[in-house]
Amino acid sequence: MITYLLRRILLMIPTLLGITVLVFTVMALSPGGISPQALIGGMDMKPEERKALQDYFNKRYGLDKPAPVQYLRWLNNVSPIGFHTDEQGGYTEFSFTKGMDLGSSFQYGRPVFDILKERIPITLLLNLVTIPVTYFIAIAVGMKSAANRGSTFDICMGISMLALWSIPTMLAGVLLLGFFANVQYLQWFPTAGISSREALDMPFLPHWNDSGFVRGFLLDRIWHLILPVLCLSYGSFAALAKLTRTSILENLNSDYARTARAKGLSEHDVLWRHVFRNSLLPLITVSAGLLPSLLAGSLIVENIFSINGMGQLAVEAVRGRDRELVLSITWVSGFLTLIGYLIADFCYMLADPRVSYD
């Protein structure tokens, strides 16, 4: 197991390198490329001011160098092992304890690490709430549909799940905002953000005081997350519910299930003690790709609901040609994706004792 884990971790390094090379190449080959002219285009400046700003960008970020040199410079900065650089951008001594430096953002003028430290927890919160909701609904609906195959519930859920899966995320987000957050309709939920400004000064849990009920920070955060989580999860649990139903029906008719019934076990015990565990394997396979899809979906959802997470940050970074920020977001997203695949491999072993990585 340790050998397999080390091998997978080592394989992450060339994979992440390949992802960042591909993204950097696309940015470099895009119209305008990665240059100070593209960064300050459209600004109303005097010629001497424009020239001074271009010289600043060239000196600070090495944008006057060829694209391969720019990438190697960025790679040296983000690697914990490499060459130290001086104020002029030149390389000094080699060190094994140099530390990682994600650079500074062109747009925000702040260290990329500080920006990511603010945005990553928001996106992770959104996804860590979405994944349990997705699997809980999918397993509950899928198992009940399989246990009552051909019933009214099975037919209605089949049609409903197919309809939900067919609705684009952008359309669903706009409709949710239009009907449940609009002042002209229900206005049950807030239109933007993940918390109210007033809630930051409230206690964590709801309570009663002299003025009445105070919802507290936790309840306020849940209230803000309902629409984004629903918008992010409905397509996933619709597809997973259909997959769960198919997997359970296949195992219900297998030899080991018939043997369990012949021994006198009830249908409930056959379903939960034997069939359910073997039916988890396809769900684990899909879960490996669920985190990347949720990260991609959060890009849309965060922009619709004005949530300052990684998704909205990625859009702003690409629009502003912010090389340091785009590459860092790519690196973080790729790392989280590979971690998701690694967790799925270990879940295989937990669900099926026959799976071994020794």
Foldseek 3Di string as FASTA:
>chain_A
DVVVVVVLVVVLVVVLVVLLVVVQVVQQPPVVHQALCLLCPPPPDDPVVSVVSRVVCCQQQVRVDDSVVSVVLQVQQQDQWAFDADSRRDTDDTDNRNHHFLAAWPVPRGGLVVLQVVFAVLLCVLVVVLVVVLVVLLLVLLLVCLVVPPDPSVVVLLVVLVVLLPDDLLVLLVVCCVAQCDPVHNNQAHQAEQADPVQVPFAQQWDADPVGTDHHGPSRNVRHSPSLSCSLRSNSSSVSNVLLNVQLNVQCPDPVLVVVVVVPDDPVCSSPVPSNLSSCLVVLVVQLCSLLSSVQSVLSSCVRRVYRHLSVVCVVCVVSVGSSNNSVSSSVSSVVSSVSNVVSLVVVCVSDVVDDDD
